Amino acid sequence: MVDIVLVEKTGELKISKYVDGKDELYKKCKFKKADNFDFLHAWTSKNGKYSFKTVSLYARNTGNANTENKYDFPPPVDNLLNFGCCCLVARNEMGDYVDLSVEDWNKFYEELFGGFENLADTAKEDENEEDELENIPAELKTKTGYLKDGFVVDDTITDSTNNNSSNTSNKDSCEEDIWEDDDTSELEFESYVYSDED
């Protein structure tokens, strides 16, 4: 008797006992029939730090709507749609069944995805980082502490168009000016007046 990992439809992982030759894997996953319940993939452990050599996934690939398994399996089966409960079974180098714990699967799972970043650890690292603007002279920074590098502009600089705003008139008209381009255009200054008046 060995421990296998059941992957519930919700994505929750549970341990179940399995006896080779006596228990059917599809029954462990609460299916009445073995229809469409098959071996899908085996991931191989290459570093030898686990008691298993491979972990095999058995699942049903057809089913009813709203019975899809929510668990994200590692590549290359990450895009396959599975239904209901799935199971993970571990084997050693000889091909014999061996125990698979949820903890070992989670560690192996992380390796299969190439590792995950712990946000708590990176937050601590961010707190310990040196402020790169701390040693920059104040005259090279804006009032709010940003570097004056042409990308961030100081609030004291105003747009020249704000100072040259046109006067509004009571007429419902709009003037559009086209100016002559010294080198490439032969257009002269023209003024267009659009009016809604009849």
Protein backbone atom coordinates (compact mmCIF):
# COMPACT_ATOMS: atom_id res chain seq x y z
CA MET A 1 0.00 0.00 0.00
CA VAL A 2 1.37 3.41 -1.03
CA ASP A 3 0.25 7.02 -0.72
CA ILE A 4 -0.96 8.73 -3.88
CA VAL A 5 -2.11 12.33 -4.31
CA LEU A 6 -5.67 13.03 -5.40
CA VAL A 7 -6.25 16.37 -7.11
CA GLU A 8 -9.84 17.33 -6.37
CA LYS A 9 -11.94 19.23 -8.91
CA THR A 10 -11.43 22.39 -6.83
CA GLY A 11 -7.64 21.99 -7.04
CA GLU A 12 -7.27 20.77 -3.44
CA LEU A 13 -4.62 18.08 -2.92
CA LYS A 14 -5.37 15.05 -0.70
CA ILE A 15 -3.56 11.85 0.20
CA SER A 16 -5.17 8.48 -0.50
CA LYS A 17 -3.96 4.90 0.02
CA TYR A 18 -3.47 2.78 -3.08
CA VAL A 19 -2.90 -0.97 -3.43
CA ASP A 20 -1.50 -1.98 -6.83
CA GLY A 21 -3.48 -4.78 -8.41
CA LYS A 22 -6.40 -4.35 -6.05
CA ASP A 23 -7.49 -0.74 -6.31
CA GLU A 24 -8.42 0.85 -9.59
CA LEU A 25 -7.16 4.42 -9.96
CA TYR A 26 -10.41 5.63 -11.54
CA LYS A 27 -12.30 4.41 -8.44
CA LYS A 28 -9.90 6.33 -6.20
CA CYS A 29 -10.93 9.40 -8.19
CA LYS A 30 -14.63 8.60 -7.49
CA PHE A 31 -15.54 7.57 -11.04
CA LYS A 32 -17.93 4.63 -11.53
CA LYS A 33 -16.43 3.67 -14.90
CA ALA A 34 -12.95 3.80 -16.39
CA ASP A 35 -14.27 5.49 -19.57
CA ASN A 36 -11.81 8.18 -20.78
CA PHE A 37 -9.75 7.85 -17.59
CA ASP A 38 -6.20 7.46 -18.83
CA PHE A 39 -2.53 8.02 -18.20
CA LEU A 40 -1.73 11.52 -19.50
CA HIS A 41 1.90 12.25 -18.65
CA ALA A 42 4.86 11.31 -16.43
CA TRP A 43 7.30 13.92 -15.12
CA THR A 44 10.84 12.70 -14.40
CA SER A 45 12.92 13.80 -11.43
CA LYS A 46 16.48 14.41 -12.61
CA ASN A 47 18.27 15.40 -9.44
CA GLY A 48 17.73 12.26 -7.35
CA LYS A 49 16.67 14.11 -4.22
CA TYR A 50 13.24 12.46 -4.10
CA SER A 51 12.27 8.90 -3.25
CA PHE A 52 10.59 8.70 -6.65
CA LYS A 53 11.90 8.83 -10.20
CA THR A 54 8.64 9.72 -11.94
CA VAL A 55 5.23 11.14 -11.07
CA SER A 56 2.41 10.08 -13.39
CA LEU A 57 -0.86 11.91 -13.96
CA TYR A 58 -4.07 9.95 -14.50
CA ALA A 59 -7.19 11.91 -15.40
CA ARG A 60 -10.41 11.96 -17.37
CA ASN A 61 -10.20 14.17 -20.44
CA THR A 62 -13.94 14.41 -21.16
CA GLY A 63 -16.81 15.35 -18.93
CA ASN A 64 -19.76 17.59 -18.26
CA ALA A 65 -19.68 21.36 -18.08
CA ASN A 66 -18.79 22.77 -14.64
CA THR A 67 -16.86 19.61 -13.70
CA GLU A 68 -13.53 20.89 -15.06
CA ASN A 69 -10.55 20.41 -12.76
CA LYS A 70 -9.21 23.82 -11.62
CA TYR A 71 -5.66 22.67 -10.82
CA ASP A 72 -2.81 24.05 -12.97
CA PHE A 73 -0.66 21.09 -13.95
CA PRO A 74 2.92 21.68 -15.11
CA PRO A 75 3.88 21.62 -18.81
CA PRO A 76 3.39 19.89 -21.16
CA VAL A 77 -0.15 19.15 -19.88
CA ASP A 78 -0.82 22.70 -18.66
CA ASN A 79 -3.19 23.35 -21.58
CA LEU A 80 -5.15 20.10 -21.33
CA LEU A 81 -8.65 20.19 -19.90
CA ASN A 82 -9.32 17.54 -17.26
CA PHE A 83 -12.61 16.71 -15.58
CA GLY A 84 -13.39 15.71 -12.01
CA CYS A 85 -10.75 14.32 -9.71
CA CYS A 86 -7.25 13.46 -11.03
CA CYS A 87 -4.52 11.41 -9.39
CA LEU A 88 -0.73 11.57 -9.15
CA VAL A 89 1.19 8.34 -8.70
CA ALA A 90 4.94 8.06 -7.98
CA ARG A 91 7.27 5.30 -9.13
CA ASN A 92 10.92 4.56 -8.42
CA GLU A 93 13.64 3.71 -10.96
CA MET A 94 12.51 0.09 -11.00
CA GLY A 95 8.95 1.14 -11.89
CA ASP A 96 7.52 0.15 -8.49
CA TYR A 97 4.95 2.34 -6.80
CA VAL A 98 6.33 4.49 -3.96
CA ASP A 99 4.78 6.97 -1.55
CA LEU A 100 4.06 10.46 -2.80
CA SER A 101 3.34 13.15 -0.20
CA VAL A 102 1.67 16.49 -0.89
CA GLU A 103 4.84 18.23 0.38
CA ASP A 104 7.10 16.32 -2.04
CA TRP A 105 4.71 16.93 -4.91
CA ASN A 106 4.60 20.69 -4.15
CA LYS A 107 8.43 20.88 -4.14
CA PHE A 108 8.65 18.89 -7.37
CA TYR A 109 5.82 20.98 -8.86
CA GLU A 110 7.78 24.17 -8.16
CA GLU A 111 10.87 22.69 -9.87
CA LEU A 112 8.80 21.71 -12.91
CA PHE A 113 7.68 25.32 -13.26
CA GLY A 114 11.24 26.60 -12.83
CA GLY A 115 10.71 27.93 -9.30
CA PHE A 116 8.42 30.57 -7.85
CA GLU A 117 9.25 33.94 -6.38
CA ASN A 118 8.25 34.46 -2.76
CA LEU A 119 6.71 37.95 -2.56
CA ALA A 120 7.43 38.21 1.18
CA ASP A 121 11.14 37.63 0.53
CA THR A 122 11.28 40.16 -2.29
CA ALA A 123 9.49 42.74 -0.11
CA LYS A 124 12.24 42.36 2.51
CA GLU A 125 14.88 42.74 -0.21
CA ASP A 126 13.14 45.90 -1.48
CA GLU A 127 13.21 47.40 2.02
CA ASN A 128 16.96 46.81 2.23
CA GLU A 129 17.71 48.32 -1.19
CA GLU A 130 19.65 51.58 -1.27
CA ASP A 131 17.80 54.58 -2.68
CA GLU A 132 19.63 55.44 -5.91
CA LEU A 133 18.57 59.10 -5.69
CA GLU A 134 19.79 59.51 -2.11
CA ASN A 135 23.27 60.73 -3.18
CA ILE A 136 22.04 63.00 -5.98
CA PRO A 137 22.27 66.77 -5.21
CA ALA A 138 18.94 68.49 -4.49
CA GLU A 139 19.31 70.93 -7.42
CA LEU A 140 19.19 67.96 -9.82
CA LYS A 141 15.87 66.77 -8.38
CA THR A 142 12.33 68.12 -8.54
CA LYS A 143 10.47 69.27 -5.43
CA THR A 144 8.91 65.82 -5.11
CA GLY A 145 12.27 64.06 -5.30
CA TYR A 146 12.40 62.84 -8.88
CA LEU A 147 15.52 63.20 -11.03
CA LYS A 148 15.35 66.07 -13.54
CA ASP A 149 16.28 64.00 -16.55
CA GLY A 150 13.97 65.45 -19.19
CA PHE A 151 11.39 62.75 -18.60
CA VAL A 152 10.02 64.16 -15.36
CA VAL A 153 9.53 67.91 -15.45
CA ASP A 154 9.27 70.30 -12.55
CA ASP A 155 5.87 71.84 -11.79
CA THR A 156 7.32 75.35 -12.13
CA ILE A 157 7.73 74.92 -15.87
CA THR A 158 4.56 76.00 -17.63
CA ASP A 159 3.41 75.31 -21.11
CA SER A 160 3.87 78.36 -23.33
CA THR A 161 0.55 77.68 -24.98
CA ASN A 162 -1.19 78.37 -21.67
CA ASN A 163 0.15 81.93 -21.69
CA ASN A 164 -0.91 82.55 -25.28
CA SER A 165 -4.43 81.24 -25.01
CA SER A 166 -6.86 82.77 -27.43
CA ASN A 167 -9.73 84.98 -26.34
CA THR A 168 -13.13 83.45 -26.49
CA SER A 169 -15.78 85.15 -28.49
CA ASN A 170 -19.56 85.10 -28.40
CA LYS A 171 -19.69 83.92 -31.99
CA ASP A 172 -20.16 80.24 -32.72
CA SER A 173 -17.17 80.10 -35.04
CA CYS A 174 -13.92 78.25 -35.22
CA GLU A 175 -10.75 79.46 -36.88
CA GLU A 176 -8.10 77.10 -38.09
CA ASP A 177 -4.78 78.52 -39.22
CA ILE A 178 -2.36 76.85 -41.58
CA TRP A 179 1.13 78.33 -41.51
CA GLU A 180 3.68 78.23 -44.25
CA ASP A 181 6.50 75.73 -43.83
CA ASP A 182 9.68 77.50 -44.89
CA ASP A 183 11.30 74.60 -46.73
CA THR A 184 8.77 72.12 -47.96
CA SER A 185 5.40 73.78 -48.41
CA GLU A 186 4.13 76.46 -50.69
CA LEU A 187 1.01 77.01 -48.60
CA GLU A 188 0.40 80.52 -47.44
CA PHE A 189 -1.40 81.62 -44.32
CA GLU A 190 -5.09 80.99 -44.77
CA SER A 191 -7.95 81.43 -42.38
CA TYR A 192 -11.05 79.30 -42.46
CA VAL A 193 -14.22 80.40 -40.71
CA TYR A 194 -16.86 77.79 -39.97
CA SER A 195 -20.23 79.00 -38.79
CA ASP A 196 -23.48 77.35 -37.90
CA GLU A 197 -25.33 80.54 -38.73
CA ASP A 198 -27.51 80.57 -41.86
